[in-house]
PDB file of N, CA and C in Angstrom:
ATOM      1  N   PHE A   1    -150.677-166.125  -0.845  1.00  0.00           N
ATOM      2  CA  PHE A   1    -151.596-167.149  -1.356  1.00  0.00           C
ATOM      3  C   PHE A   1    -152.465-166.553  -2.462  1.00  0.00           C
ATOM      4  N   VAL A   2    -152.950-165.346  -2.204  1.00  0.00           N
ATOM      5  CA  VAL A   2    -153.791-164.673  -3.202  1.00  0.00           C
ATOM      6  C   VAL A   2    -152.997-164.427  -4.478  1.00  0.00           C
ATOM      7  N   GLU A   3    -151.755-163.983  -4.335  1.00  0.00           N
ATOM      8  CA  GLU A   3    -150.918-163.720  -5.507  1.00  0.00           C
ATOM      9  C   GLU A   3    -150.692-165.007  -6.294  1.00  0.00           C
ATOM     10  N   THR A   4    -150.535-166.116  -5.584  1.00  0.00           N
ATOM     11  CA  THR A   4    -150.338-167.404  -6.245  1.00  0.00           C
ATOM     12  C   THR A   4    -151.553-167.763  -7.078  1.00  0.00           C
ATOM     13  N   MET A   5    -152.741-167.603  -6.501  1.00  0.00           N
ATOM     14  CA  MET A   5    -153.977-167.919  -7.215  1.00  0.00           C
ATOM     15  C   MET A   5    -154.114-167.040  -8.448  1.00  0.00           C
ATOM     16  N   ARG A   6    -153.845-165.748  -8.298  1.00  0.00           N
ATOM     17  CA  ARG A   6    -153.941-164.819  -9.430  1.00  0.00           C
ATOM     18  C   ARG A   6    -152.924-165.201 -10.497  1.00  0.00           C
ATOM     19  N   TYR A   7    -151.723-165.601 -10.074  1.00  0.00           N
ATOM     20  CA  TYR A   7    -150.685-166.008 -11.012  1.00  0.00           C
ATOM     21  C   TYR A   7    -151.126-167.254 -11.778  1.00  0.00           C
ATOM     22  N   MET A   8    -151.721-168.201 -11.065  1.00  0.00           N
ATOM     23  CA  MET A   8    -152.212-169.423 -11.691  1.00  0.00           C
ATOM     24  C   MET A   8    -153.294-169.082 -12.708  1.00  0.00           C
ATOM     25  N   ASP A   9    -154.213-168.187 -12.334  1.00  0.00           N
ATOM     26  CA  ASP A   9    -155.301-167.800 -13.236  1.00  0.00           C
ATOM     27  C   ASP A   9    -154.736-167.155 -14.498  1.00  0.00           C
ATOM     28  N   PHE A  10    -153.653-166.399 -14.340  1.00  0.00           N
ATOM     29  CA  PHE A  10    -153.054-165.713 -15.480  1.00  0.00           C
ATOM     30  C   PHE A  10    -152.344-166.711 -16.400  1.00  0.00           C
ATOM     31  N   ILE A  11    -151.642-167.657 -15.814  1.00  0.00           N
ATOM     32  CA  ILE A  11    -150.883-168.633 -16.591  1.00  0.00           C
ATOM     33  C   ILE A  11    -151.798-169.699 -17.188  1.00  0.00           C
ATOM     34  N   THR A  12    -152.651-170.300 -16.357  1.00  0.00           N
ATOM     35  CA  THR A  12    -153.514-171.386 -16.826  1.00  0.00           C
ATOM     36  C   THR A  12    -154.966-171.139 -16.446  1.00  0.00           C
ATOM     37  N   PRO A  13    -155.723-170.481 -17.322  1.00  0.00           N
ATOM     38  CA  PRO A  13    -157.135-170.216 -17.078  1.00  0.00           C
ATOM     39  C   PRO A  13    -157.950-171.504 -16.943  1.00  0.00           C
ATOM     40  N   GLY A  14    -157.474-172.606 -17.545  1.00  0.00           N
ATOM     41  CA  GLY A  14    -158.205-173.869 -17.488  1.00  0.00           C
ATOM     42  C   GLY A  14    -158.124-174.500 -16.107  1.00  0.00           C
ATOM     43  N   SER A  15    -159.218-175.070 -15.645  1.00  0.00           N
ATOM     44  CA  SER A  15    -159.274-175.656 -14.307  1.00  0.00           C
ATOM     45  C   SER A  15    -158.336-176.863 -14.207  1.00  0.00           C
ATOM     46  N   GLN A  16    -158.325-177.708 -15.243  1.00  0.00           N
ATOM     47  CA  GLN A  16    -157.500-178.907 -15.219  1.00  0.00           C
ATOM     48  C   GLN A  16    -156.022-178.549 -15.184  1.00  0.00           C
ATOM     49  N   ALA A  17    -155.605-177.661 -16.067  1.00  0.00           N
ATOM     50  CA  ALA A  17    -154.208-177.243 -16.119  1.00  0.00           C
ATOM     51  C   ALA A  17    -153.844-176.512 -14.831  1.00  0.00           C
ATOM     52  N   LYS A  18    -154.768-175.707 -14.335  1.00  0.00           N
ATOM     53  CA  LYS A  18    -154.545-174.947 -13.108  1.00  0.00           C
ATOM     54  C   LYS A  18    -154.329-175.897 -11.939  1.00  0.00           C
ATOM     55  N   GLU A  19    -155.106-176.972 -11.895  1.00  0.00           N
ATOM     56  CA  GLU A  19    -154.997-177.924 -10.792  1.00  0.00           C
ATOM     57  C   GLU A  19    -153.605-178.545 -10.747  1.00  0.00           C
ATOM     58  N   GLY A  20    -153.124-179.010 -11.910  1.00  0.00           N
ATOM     59  CA  GLY A  20    -151.811-179.632 -11.972  1.00  0.00           C
ATOM     60  C   GLY A  20    -150.707-178.637 -11.661  1.00  0.00           C
ATOM     61  N   SER A  21    -150.814-177.422 -12.205  1.00  0.00           N
ATOM     62  CA  SER A  21    -149.795-176.403 -11.991  1.00  0.00           C
ATOM     63  C   SER A  21    -149.786-175.947 -10.540  1.00  0.00           C
ATOM     64  N   PHE A  22    -150.970-175.882  -9.942  1.00  0.00           N
ATOM     65  CA  PHE A  22    -151.073-175.406  -8.562  1.00  0.00           C
ATOM     66  C   PHE A  22    -150.288-176.319  -7.623  1.00  0.00           C
ATOM     67  N   PHE A  23    -150.519-177.624  -7.729  1.00  0.00           N
ATOM     68  CA  PHE A  23    -149.825-178.571  -6.868  1.00  0.00           C
ATOM     69  C   PHE A  23    -148.330-178.602  -7.171  1.00  0.00           C
ATOM     70  N   GLY A  24    -147.978-178.294  -8.403  1.00  0.00           N
ATOM     71  CA  GLY A  24    -146.571-178.315  -8.788  1.00  0.00           C
ATOM     72  C   GLY A  24    -145.817-177.088  -8.308  1.00  0.00           C
ATOM     73  N   LEU A  25    -146.493-175.923  -8.270  1.00  0.00           N
ATOM     74  CA  LEU A  25    -145.816-174.679  -7.916  1.00  0.00           C
ATOM     75  C   LEU A  25    -146.090-174.223  -6.493  1.00  0.00           C
ATOM     76  N   GLU A  26    -147.087-174.816  -5.844  1.00  0.00           N
ATOM     77  CA  GLU A  26    -147.444-174.396  -4.487  1.00  0.00           C
ATOM     78  C   GLU A  26    -146.250-174.424  -3.534  1.00  0.00           C
ATOM     79  N   PRO A  27    -145.506-175.538  -3.448  1.00  0.00           N
ATOM     80  CA  PRO A  27    -144.356-175.601  -2.538  1.00  0.00           C
ATOM     81  C   PRO A  27    -143.317-174.533  -2.858  1.00  0.00           C
ATOM     82  N   THR A  28    -143.105-174.268  -4.129  1.00  0.00           N
ATOM     83  CA  THR A  28    -142.127-173.271  -4.543  1.00  0.00           C
ATOM     84  C   THR A  28    -142.541-171.884  -4.087  1.00  0.00           C
ATOM     85  N   PHE A  29    -143.800-171.543  -4.321  1.00  0.00           N
ATOM     86  CA  PHE A  29    -144.296-170.224  -3.935  1.00  0.00           C
ATOM     87  C   PHE A  29    -144.261-170.062  -2.420  1.00  0.00           C
ATOM     88  N   ASN A  30    -144.639-171.110  -1.705  1.00  0.00           N
ATOM     89  CA  ASN A  30    -144.621-171.050  -0.247  1.00  0.00           C
ATOM     90  C   ASN A  30    -143.196-170.841   0.254  1.00  0.00           C
ATOM     91  N   GLY A  31    -142.248-171.525  -0.342  1.00  0.00           N
ATOM     92  CA  GLY A  31    -140.853-171.396   0.057  1.00  0.00           C
ATOM     93  C   GLY A  31    -140.328-169.994  -0.199  1.00  0.00           C
ATOM     94  N   LEU A  32    -140.684-169.413  -1.349  1.00  0.00           N
ATOM     95  CA  LEU A  32    -140.216-168.070  -1.684  1.00  0.00           C
ATOM     96  C   LEU A  32    -140.906-167.022  -0.827  1.00  0.00           C
ATOM     97  N   ALA A  33    -142.202-167.207  -0.583  1.00  0.00           N
ATOM     98  CA  ALA A  33    -142.970-166.225   0.186  1.00  0.00           C
ATOM     99  C   ALA A  33    -142.533-166.246   1.649  1.00  0.00           C
ATOM    100  N   LEU A  34    -142.410-167.462   2.208  1.00  0.00           N
ATOM    101  CA  LEU A  34    -142.055-167.585   3.620  1.00  0.00           C
ATOM    102  C   LEU A  34    -140.554-167.389   3.820  1.00  0.00           C
ATOM    103  N   GLY A  35    -139.780-167.676   2.788  1.00  0.00           N
ATOM    104  CA  GLY A  35    -138.339-167.520   2.896  1.00  0.00           C
ATOM    105  C   GLY A  35    -137.740-168.701   3.611  1.00  0.00           C
TER     106      GLY A  35
END
């Protein structure tokens, strides 16, 4: 989860862009992390 947040901060420093990207990539990151 922490790595995801850091990745989001690196890709989209903006809060608005980060919000949209977070919801879009969250399921993907969870799937890859949990396997």
